[in-house]
Amino acid sequence: MLKKDLMQRVEAEGINLSEYMFERYYEYGLIVSDKDGQCRMRGVKTYYHKRTMEAIRFIEELKANKAMGNQKNYIFILYWKGYPVQWDKLKARLLKFHSGIMDYFNTVTGYLASPTMRITSTVSPRTRLIKRLSQWGALLSNPLRLRRKKLMIQLEDTFLSAS
């Protein structure tokens, strides 16, 4: 299916999808294409997978649910549901996600290994961390909904001011 035909079908179904958004879906790996050379003078035509229209409908459902988060992460959900995705983009997102989680755990482990963080109790490490931060006067508006970067900044500020 050519891009022009696909965009006409999207418009006919009443889905609000601009050219820019379509290109972004392709950039994130949510849409799969295949290029076919016509000949030397005609150039190359790009064909999209036959399930691309279904994938666009599903992406619109995900966008309607505000809890789904970043569009870059939709590639995991699409792959899990069986839609075609770009393998190189899926692998790159998976490696980035894994390295981010590992960096986060290494940073938190470093803070918990600090002698100033040691609390002898049967309380979970997260509860100990929040308790220690509140003891040091860190401003925690809602500790259960802190983002990772905000928590890291607060931890760094707290440890710099404590030492």
N, C-alpha and C. Protein backbone atom coordinates (compact mmCIF):
# COMPACT_ATOMS: atom_id res chain seq x y z
N MET A 1 0.84 -1.16 0.00
CA MET A 1 0.00 0.00 0.00
C MET A 1 0.90 1.24 0.00
N LEU A 2 0.67 2.14 -0.89
CA LEU A 2 1.45 3.37 -0.99
C LEU A 2 1.00 4.36 0.09
N LYS A 3 1.89 5.31 0.37
CA LYS A 3 1.60 6.30 1.41
C LYS A 3 0.37 7.12 1.06
N LYS A 4 0.24 7.50 -0.20
CA LYS A 4 -0.91 8.31 -0.63
C LYS A 4 -2.21 7.55 -0.38
N ASP A 5 -2.25 6.26 -0.75
CA ASP A 5 -3.44 5.45 -0.53
C ASP A 5 -3.73 5.27 0.96
N LEU A 6 -2.68 5.07 1.72
CA LEU A 6 -2.83 4.89 3.16
C LEU A 6 -3.38 6.16 3.82
N MET A 7 -2.87 7.31 3.44
CA MET A 7 -3.35 8.57 4.01
C MET A 7 -4.80 8.83 3.62
N GLN A 8 -5.21 8.42 2.41
CA GLN A 8 -6.60 8.57 2.01
C GLN A 8 -7.51 7.68 2.85
N ARG A 9 -7.07 6.46 3.12
CA ARG A 9 -7.87 5.55 3.98
C ARG A 9 -7.98 6.09 5.39
N VAL A 10 -6.88 6.65 5.91
CA VAL A 10 -6.90 7.22 7.26
C VAL A 10 -7.88 8.39 7.32
N GLU A 11 -7.85 9.24 6.30
CA GLU A 11 -8.76 10.38 6.25
C GLU A 11 -10.21 9.93 6.10
N ALA A 12 -10.44 8.87 5.30
CA ALA A 12 -11.80 8.36 5.10
C ALA A 12 -12.38 7.80 6.40
N GLU A 13 -11.53 7.26 7.26
CA GLU A 13 -12.01 6.72 8.54
C GLU A 13 -12.17 7.78 9.61
N GLY A 14 -11.78 9.00 9.29
CA GLY A 14 -11.96 10.09 10.24
C GLY A 14 -10.87 10.21 11.29
N ILE A 15 -9.75 9.60 11.06
CA ILE A 15 -8.62 9.69 11.99
C ILE A 15 -7.82 10.93 11.64
N ASN A 16 -7.55 11.73 12.65
CA ASN A 16 -6.80 12.97 12.44
C ASN A 16 -5.31 12.65 12.49
N LEU A 17 -4.70 12.45 11.32
CA LEU A 17 -3.29 12.08 11.24
C LEU A 17 -2.62 12.95 10.18
N SER A 18 -1.73 13.82 10.63
CA SER A 18 -1.03 14.70 9.69
C SER A 18 0.18 13.98 9.10
N GLU A 19 0.76 14.59 8.08
CA GLU A 19 1.97 14.03 7.46
C GLU A 19 3.11 13.98 8.48
N TYR A 20 3.21 15.03 9.29
CA TYR A 20 4.26 15.08 10.30
C TYR A 20 4.10 13.95 11.31
N MET A 21 2.87 13.70 11.76
CA MET A 21 2.62 12.63 12.73
C MET A 21 2.91 11.27 12.11
N PHE A 22 2.54 11.10 10.85
CA PHE A 22 2.83 9.84 10.16
C PHE A 22 4.34 9.61 10.09
N GLU A 23 5.09 10.65 9.77
CA GLU A 23 6.55 10.53 9.72
C GLU A 23 7.13 10.23 11.09
N ARG A 24 6.52 10.79 12.11
CA ARG A 24 7.00 10.52 13.48
C ARG A 24 6.73 9.06 13.85
N TYR A 25 5.57 8.53 13.49
CA TYR A 25 5.30 7.12 13.73
C TYR A 25 6.34 6.25 13.04
N TYR A 26 6.68 6.64 11.81
CA TYR A 26 7.70 5.88 11.08
C TYR A 26 9.06 6.02 11.76
N GLU A 27 9.39 7.21 12.23
CA GLU A 27 10.66 7.45 12.90
C GLU A 27 10.78 6.63 14.18
N TYR A 28 9.68 6.49 14.91
CA TYR A 28 9.68 5.71 16.15
C TYR A 28 9.65 4.21 15.90
N GLY A 29 9.42 3.79 14.66
CA GLY A 29 9.40 2.37 14.34
C GLY A 29 8.03 1.73 14.46
N LEU A 30 6.98 2.52 14.61
CA LEU A 30 5.64 1.98 14.78
C LEU A 30 5.03 1.53 13.47
N ILE A 31 5.54 2.04 12.36
CA ILE A 31 5.04 1.70 11.03
C ILE A 31 6.18 1.09 10.23
N VAL A 32 5.88 0.01 9.53
CA VAL A 32 6.89 -0.72 8.76
C VAL A 32 6.69 -0.46 7.28
N SER A 33 7.80 -0.22 6.59
CA SER A 33 7.72 0.01 5.15
C SER A 33 8.73 -0.89 4.44
N ASP A 34 8.52 -1.01 3.14
CA ASP A 34 9.43 -1.77 2.29
C ASP A 34 9.60 -0.97 1.00
N LYS A 35 10.84 -0.79 0.59
CA LYS A 35 11.10 0.00 -0.61
C LYS A 35 11.30 -0.94 -1.79
N ASP A 36 10.76 -0.53 -2.93
CA ASP A 36 10.84 -1.33 -4.14
C ASP A 36 11.36 -0.45 -5.27
N GLY A 37 12.46 -0.86 -5.87
CA GLY A 37 13.03 -0.11 -6.98
C GLY A 37 12.25 -0.38 -8.25
N GLN A 38 11.83 0.68 -8.93
CA GLN A 38 11.04 0.55 -10.16
C GLN A 38 11.95 0.29 -11.36
N CYS A 39 12.89 1.10 -11.53
CA CYS A 39 13.96 0.93 -12.52
C CYS A 39 14.84 2.16 -12.42
N ARG A 40 15.78 2.27 -13.29
CA ARG A 40 16.75 3.34 -13.17
C ARG A 40 16.13 4.74 -13.27
N MET A 41 15.20 4.92 -14.12
CA MET A 41 14.63 6.25 -14.34
C MET A 41 13.42 6.56 -13.45
N ARG A 42 12.78 5.55 -12.92
CA ARG A 42 11.55 5.78 -12.14
C ARG A 42 11.81 5.95 -10.65
N GLY A 43 12.91 5.50 -10.16
CA GLY A 43 13.22 5.66 -8.74
C GLY A 43 12.70 4.54 -7.87
N VAL A 44 12.35 4.88 -6.65
CA VAL A 44 11.97 3.90 -5.63
C VAL A 44 10.57 4.24 -5.12
N LYS A 45 9.76 3.21 -4.91
CA LYS A 45 8.44 3.38 -4.30
C LYS A 45 8.46 2.72 -2.92
N THR A 46 7.82 3.37 -1.99
CA THR A 46 7.74 2.85 -0.64
C THR A 46 6.36 2.25 -0.42
N TYR A 47 6.35 0.98 -0.05
CA TYR A 47 5.10 0.29 0.26
C TYR A 47 5.04 0.04 1.76
N TYR A 48 3.86 0.20 2.33
CA TYR A 48 3.68 -0.04 3.76
C TYR A 48 2.99 -1.37 3.97
N HIS A 49 3.25 -1.96 5.12
CA HIS A 49 2.71 -3.28 5.47
C HIS A 49 1.18 -3.24 5.43
N LYS A 50 0.57 -4.37 5.10
CA LYS A 50 -0.90 -4.41 4.97
C LYS A 50 -1.62 -4.17 6.30
N ARG A 51 -0.94 -4.40 7.43
CA ARG A 51 -1.57 -4.18 8.74
C ARG A 51 -1.28 -2.78 9.30
N THR A 52 -0.73 -1.91 8.48
CA THR A 52 -0.40 -0.56 8.94
C THR A 52 -1.65 0.20 9.36
N MET A 53 -2.72 0.02 8.62
CA MET A 53 -3.97 0.72 8.96
C MET A 53 -4.48 0.26 10.32
N GLU A 54 -4.41 -1.03 10.60
CA GLU A 54 -4.81 -1.54 11.92
C GLU A 54 -3.92 -0.97 13.01
N ALA A 55 -2.62 -0.87 12.72
CA ALA A 55 -1.69 -0.32 13.71
C ALA A 55 -2.00 1.14 14.00
N ILE A 56 -2.36 1.91 12.98
CA ILE A 56 -2.70 3.32 13.18
C ILE A 56 -3.95 3.44 14.04
N ARG A 57 -4.94 2.59 13.80
CA ARG A 57 -6.15 2.60 14.63
C ARG A 57 -5.80 2.30 16.10
N PHE A 58 -4.93 1.30 16.29
CA PHE A 58 -4.55 0.92 17.65
C PHE A 58 -3.74 2.04 18.32
N ILE A 59 -2.89 2.72 17.57
CA ILE A 59 -2.13 3.85 18.12
C ILE A 59 -3.07 4.95 18.56
N GLU A 60 -4.13 5.18 17.78
CA GLU A 60 -5.12 6.20 18.16
C GLU A 60 -5.82 5.81 19.46
N GLU A 61 -6.09 4.52 19.66
CA GLU A 61 -6.68 4.07 20.92
C GLU A 61 -5.71 4.31 22.07
N LEU A 62 -4.43 4.05 21.84
CA LEU A 62 -3.44 4.27 22.89
C LEU A 62 -3.32 5.75 23.22
N LYS A 63 -3.38 6.60 22.21
CA LYS A 63 -3.30 8.04 22.45
C LYS A 63 -4.49 8.54 23.24
N ALA A 64 -5.65 7.92 23.06
CA ALA A 64 -6.85 8.33 23.80
C ALA A 64 -6.70 8.05 25.29
N ASN A 65 -5.94 7.01 25.62
CA ASN A 65 -5.69 6.67 27.01
C ASN A 65 -4.47 7.46 27.47
N LYS A 66 -4.66 8.48 28.27
CA LYS A 66 -3.59 9.39 28.68
C LYS A 66 -2.56 8.70 29.58
N ALA A 67 -2.91 7.57 30.17
CA ALA A 67 -1.99 6.89 31.07
C ALA A 67 -0.90 6.11 30.33
N MET A 68 -1.00 6.01 29.02
CA MET A 68 -0.06 5.19 28.26
C MET A 68 1.31 5.84 28.13
N GLY A 69 1.43 7.12 28.32
CA GLY A 69 2.74 7.77 28.35
C GLY A 69 3.28 8.15 27.00
N ASN A 70 4.59 8.00 26.86
CA ASN A 70 5.33 8.48 25.70
C ASN A 70 5.06 7.64 24.46
N GLN A 71 4.94 8.31 23.31
CA GLN A 71 4.68 7.59 22.06
C GLN A 71 5.85 6.71 21.65
N LYS A 72 7.05 7.06 22.08
CA LYS A 72 8.22 6.24 21.75
C LYS A 72 8.09 4.84 22.35
N ASN A 73 7.36 4.73 23.45
CA ASN A 73 7.21 3.43 24.11
C ASN A 73 6.08 2.59 23.54
N TYR A 74 5.30 3.14 22.62
CA TYR A 74 4.22 2.38 21.99
C TYR A 74 4.77 1.18 21.22
N ILE A 75 6.02 1.24 20.82
CA ILE A 75 6.59 0.15 20.03
C ILE A 75 6.55 -1.16 20.81
N PHE A 76 6.72 -1.10 22.12
CA PHE A 76 6.67 -2.32 22.94
C PHE A 76 5.25 -2.91 22.92
N ILE A 77 4.25 -2.06 23.04
CA ILE A 77 2.87 -2.52 23.08
C ILE A 77 2.46 -3.07 21.71
N LEU A 78 2.84 -2.38 20.64
CA LEU A 78 2.51 -2.86 19.30
C LEU A 78 3.15 -4.21 19.03
N TYR A 79 4.40 -4.37 19.42
CA TYR A 79 5.08 -5.65 19.21
C TYR A 79 4.40 -6.75 20.02
N TRP A 80 4.03 -6.43 21.25
CA TRP A 80 3.40 -7.41 22.11
C TRP A 80 2.04 -7.84 21.56
N LYS A 81 1.32 -6.91 20.92
CA LYS A 81 0.02 -7.21 20.34
C LYS A 81 0.12 -7.89 18.98
N GLY A 82 1.33 -8.01 18.42
CA GLY A 82 1.51 -8.74 17.17
C GLY A 82 1.55 -7.88 15.92
N TYR A 83 1.60 -6.57 16.08
CA TYR A 83 1.69 -5.69 14.92
C TYR A 83 3.13 -5.65 14.41
N PRO A 84 3.32 -5.42 13.13
CA PRO A 84 4.69 -5.33 12.62
C PRO A 84 5.35 -4.02 13.07
N VAL A 85 6.57 -4.12 13.57
CA VAL A 85 7.35 -2.96 13.99
C VAL A 85 8.73 -3.07 13.37
N GLN A 86 9.46 -1.97 13.38
CA GLN A 86 10.82 -1.99 12.85
C GLN A 86 11.75 -2.58 13.92
N TRP A 87 12.41 -3.68 13.57
CA TRP A 87 13.22 -4.41 14.53
C TRP A 87 14.37 -3.60 15.08
N ASP A 88 15.03 -2.83 14.22
CA ASP A 88 16.16 -2.05 14.70
C ASP A 88 15.73 -1.00 15.72
N LYS A 89 14.58 -0.39 15.51
CA LYS A 89 14.07 0.62 16.45
C LYS A 89 13.62 -0.06 17.75
N LEU A 90 13.01 -1.23 17.65
CA LEU A 90 12.59 -1.96 18.84
C LEU A 90 13.80 -2.33 19.68
N LYS A 91 14.83 -2.83 19.04
CA LYS A 91 16.04 -3.23 19.76
C LYS A 91 16.71 -2.02 20.41
N ALA A 92 16.76 -0.90 19.69
CA ALA A 92 17.37 0.31 20.25
C ALA A 92 16.60 0.81 21.46
N ARG A 93 15.26 0.82 21.39
CA ARG A 93 14.44 1.27 22.52
C ARG A 93 14.60 0.33 23.72
N LEU A 94 14.67 -0.97 23.44
CA LEU A 94 14.84 -1.94 24.51
C LEU A 94 16.18 -1.77 25.21
N LEU A 95 17.25 -1.56 24.44
CA LEU A 95 18.57 -1.34 25.03
C LEU A 95 18.61 -0.04 25.82
N LYS A 96 17.97 1.01 25.30
CA LYS A 96 17.94 2.28 26.00
C LYS A 96 17.16 2.16 27.31
N PHE A 97 16.04 1.46 27.26
CA PHE A 97 15.24 1.25 28.46
C PHE A 97 16.03 0.46 29.50
N HIS A 98 16.69 -0.60 29.06
CA HIS A 98 17.47 -1.44 29.97
C HIS A 98 18.62 -0.66 30.60
N SER A 99 19.35 0.11 29.80
CA SER A 99 20.48 0.86 30.35
C SER A 99 19.99 1.94 31.31
N GLY A 100 18.84 2.56 31.03
CA GLY A 100 18.28 3.55 31.94
C GLY A 100 17.91 2.95 33.29
N ILE A 101 17.29 1.79 33.26
CA ILE A 101 16.92 1.11 34.51
C ILE A 101 18.17 0.72 35.29
N MET A 102 19.17 0.18 34.60
CA MET A 102 20.40 -0.23 35.28
C MET A 102 21.12 0.97 35.89
N ASP A 103 21.17 2.09 35.18
CA ASP A 103 21.79 3.30 35.72
C ASP A 103 21.05 3.78 36.96
N TYR A 104 19.73 3.73 36.89
CA TYR A 104 18.92 4.17 38.03
C TYR A 104 19.19 3.29 39.25
N PHE A 105 19.19 1.96 39.07
CA PHE A 105 19.44 1.07 40.20
C PHE A 105 20.85 1.23 40.74
N ASN A 106 21.82 1.43 39.87
CA ASN A 106 23.20 1.63 40.34
C ASN A 106 23.31 2.92 41.16
N THR A 107 22.64 3.97 40.73
CA THR A 107 22.67 5.23 41.46
C THR A 107 22.01 5.09 42.82
N VAL A 108 20.84 4.47 42.85
CA VAL A 108 20.13 4.29 44.13
C VAL A 108 20.94 3.38 45.05
N THR A 109 21.55 2.34 44.50
CA THR A 109 22.38 1.43 45.31
C THR A 109 23.55 2.19 45.90
N GLY A 110 24.14 3.09 45.13
CA GLY A 110 25.23 3.91 45.66
C GLY A 110 24.78 4.79 46.81
N TYR A 111 23.59 5.37 46.69
CA TYR A 111 23.08 6.19 47.78
C TYR A 111 22.75 5.34 49.01
N LEU A 112 22.19 4.17 48.80
CA LEU A 112 21.83 3.31 49.93
C LEU A 112 23.06 2.73 50.61
N ALA A 113 24.16 2.59 49.88
CA ALA A 113 25.39 2.07 50.47
C ALA A 113 26.12 3.14 51.27
N SER A 114 25.72 4.38 51.14
CA SER A 114 26.36 5.47 51.87
C SER A 114 26.15 5.29 53.37
N PRO A 115 27.17 5.57 54.18
CA PRO A 115 27.02 5.40 55.64
C PRO A 115 25.93 6.30 56.23
N THR A 116 25.66 7.43 55.61
CA THR A 116 24.63 8.31 56.15
C THR A 116 23.23 7.80 55.87
N MET A 117 23.10 6.84 54.96
CA MET A 117 21.78 6.31 54.61
C MET A 117 21.40 5.07 55.41
N ARG A 118 22.30 4.54 56.19
CA ARG A 118 22.03 3.28 56.89
C ARG A 118 21.05 3.50 58.05
N ILE A 119 19.98 2.77 57.99
CA ILE A 119 18.97 2.77 59.04
C ILE A 119 18.71 1.31 59.35
N THR A 120 18.81 0.93 60.58
CA THR A 120 18.59 -0.47 60.93
C THR A 120 17.14 -0.66 61.30
N SER A 121 16.39 -1.23 60.36
CA SER A 121 14.99 -1.55 60.60
C SER A 121 14.55 -2.53 59.53
N THR A 122 13.31 -2.98 59.64
CA THR A 122 12.77 -3.92 58.65
C THR A 122 11.93 -3.18 57.62
N VAL A 123 12.11 -1.89 57.49
CA VAL A 123 11.36 -1.09 56.55
C VAL A 123 11.99 -1.25 55.17
N SER A 124 11.18 -1.16 54.12
CA SER A 124 11.68 -1.31 52.76
C SER A 124 12.68 -0.20 52.43
N PRO A 125 13.60 -0.46 51.48
CA PRO A 125 14.58 0.57 51.11
C PRO A 125 13.95 1.86 50.61
N ARG A 126 12.84 1.76 49.89
CA ARG A 126 12.19 2.97 49.39
C ARG A 126 11.64 3.81 50.53
N THR A 127 11.02 3.14 51.50
CA THR A 127 10.48 3.85 52.64
C THR A 127 11.60 4.50 53.45
N ARG A 128 12.72 3.77 53.60
CA ARG A 128 13.88 4.34 54.30
C ARG A 128 14.40 5.57 53.57
N LEU A 129 14.46 5.48 52.26
CA LEU A 129 14.95 6.59 51.46
C LEU A 129 14.06 7.81 51.62
N ILE A 130 12.76 7.62 51.55
CA ILE A 130 11.82 8.74 51.70
C ILE A 130 11.90 9.30 53.12
N LYS A 131 12.03 8.43 54.10
CA LYS A 131 12.12 8.88 55.49
C LYS A 131 13.38 9.72 55.70
N ARG A 132 14.50 9.24 55.16
CA ARG A 132 15.75 9.96 55.31
C ARG A 132 15.70 11.31 54.59
N LEU A 133 15.11 11.33 53.41
CA LEU A 133 14.99 12.59 52.67
C LEU A 133 14.12 13.59 53.43
N SER A 134 13.04 13.10 54.01
CA SER A 134 12.17 14.01 54.76
C SER A 134 12.86 14.49 56.03
N GLN A 135 13.73 13.64 56.63
CA GLN A 135 14.48 14.07 57.81
C GLN A 135 15.47 15.16 57.45
N TRP A 136 16.04 15.08 56.29
CA TRP A 136 17.01 16.09 55.87
C TRP A 136 16.33 17.36 55.34
N GLY A 137 15.03 17.38 55.31
CA GLY A 137 14.32 18.58 54.91
C GLY A 137 14.08 18.71 53.42
N ALA A 138 14.16 17.59 52.69
CA ALA A 138 13.87 17.65 51.26
C ALA A 138 12.38 17.90 51.08
N LEU A 139 12.04 18.71 50.12
CA LEU A 139 10.64 19.05 49.88
C LEU A 139 10.03 17.98 48.97
N LEU A 140 9.24 17.11 49.57
CA LEU A 140 8.59 16.04 48.81
C LEU A 140 7.09 16.30 48.80
N SER A 141 6.60 16.73 47.67
CA SER A 141 5.17 17.02 47.60
C SER A 141 4.35 15.74 47.63
N ASN A 142 4.73 14.75 46.82
CA ASN A 142 4.04 13.46 46.80
C ASN A 142 5.09 12.40 46.50
N PRO A 143 5.67 11.77 47.50
CA PRO A 143 6.80 10.87 47.28
C PRO A 143 6.46 9.64 46.45
N LEU A 144 5.20 9.27 46.35
CA LEU A 144 4.87 8.07 45.59
C LEU A 144 4.83 8.33 44.09
N ARG A 145 4.79 9.60 43.68
CA ARG A 145 4.69 9.91 42.25
C ARG A 145 5.91 10.66 41.74
N LEU A 146 7.02 10.57 42.46
CA LEU A 146 8.23 11.27 42.02
C LEU A 146 8.76 10.66 40.74
N ARG A 147 9.23 11.50 39.87
CA ARG A 147 9.89 11.01 38.67
C ARG A 147 11.35 10.71 39.01
N ARG A 148 11.95 9.87 38.21
CA ARG A 148 13.31 9.43 38.46
C ARG A 148 14.28 10.61 38.48
N LYS A 149 14.22 11.50 37.49
CA LYS A 149 15.16 12.61 37.43
C LYS A 149 14.97 13.56 38.61
N LYS A 150 13.72 13.81 38.96
CA LYS A 150 13.45 14.70 40.09
C LYS A 150 13.99 14.09 41.37
N LEU A 151 13.83 12.79 41.55
CA LEU A 151 14.33 12.11 42.73
C LEU A 151 15.85 12.18 42.77
N MET A 152 16.50 11.98 41.62
CA MET A 152 17.96 12.01 41.59
C MET A 152 18.47 13.42 41.93
N ILE A 153 17.81 14.45 41.42
CA ILE A 153 18.22 15.82 41.73
C ILE A 153 18.05 16.10 43.21
N GLN A 154 16.92 15.65 43.79
CA GLN A 154 16.71 15.87 45.22
C GLN A 154 17.72 15.11 46.05
N LEU A 155 18.06 13.88 45.62
CA LEU A 155 19.06 13.12 46.35
C LEU A 155 20.42 13.81 46.30
N GLU A 156 20.82 14.28 45.12
CA GLU A 156 22.10 14.95 44.99
C GLU A 156 22.13 16.22 45.84
N ASP A 157 21.05 17.01 45.78
CA ASP A 157 21.01 18.23 46.59
C ASP A 157 21.07 17.91 48.07
N THR A 158 20.37 16.87 48.49
CA THR A 158 20.34 16.48 49.89
C THR A 158 21.72 16.02 50.36
N PHE A 159 22.38 15.20 49.56
CA PHE A 159 23.69 14.70 49.97
C PHE A 159 24.75 15.79 49.93
N LEU A 160 24.63 16.73 49.00
CA LEU A 160 25.60 17.83 48.96
C LEU A 160 25.41 18.75 50.14
N SER A 161 24.17 18.98 50.55
CA SER A 161 23.93 19.88 51.68
C SER A 161 24.23 19.19 53.02
N ALA A 162 24.14 17.85 53.07
CA ALA A 162 24.39 17.12 54.31
C ALA A 162 25.88 16.98 54.59
N SER A 163 26.70 17.02 53.55
CA SER A 163 28.13 16.81 53.79
C SER A 163 28.90 18.09 53.91
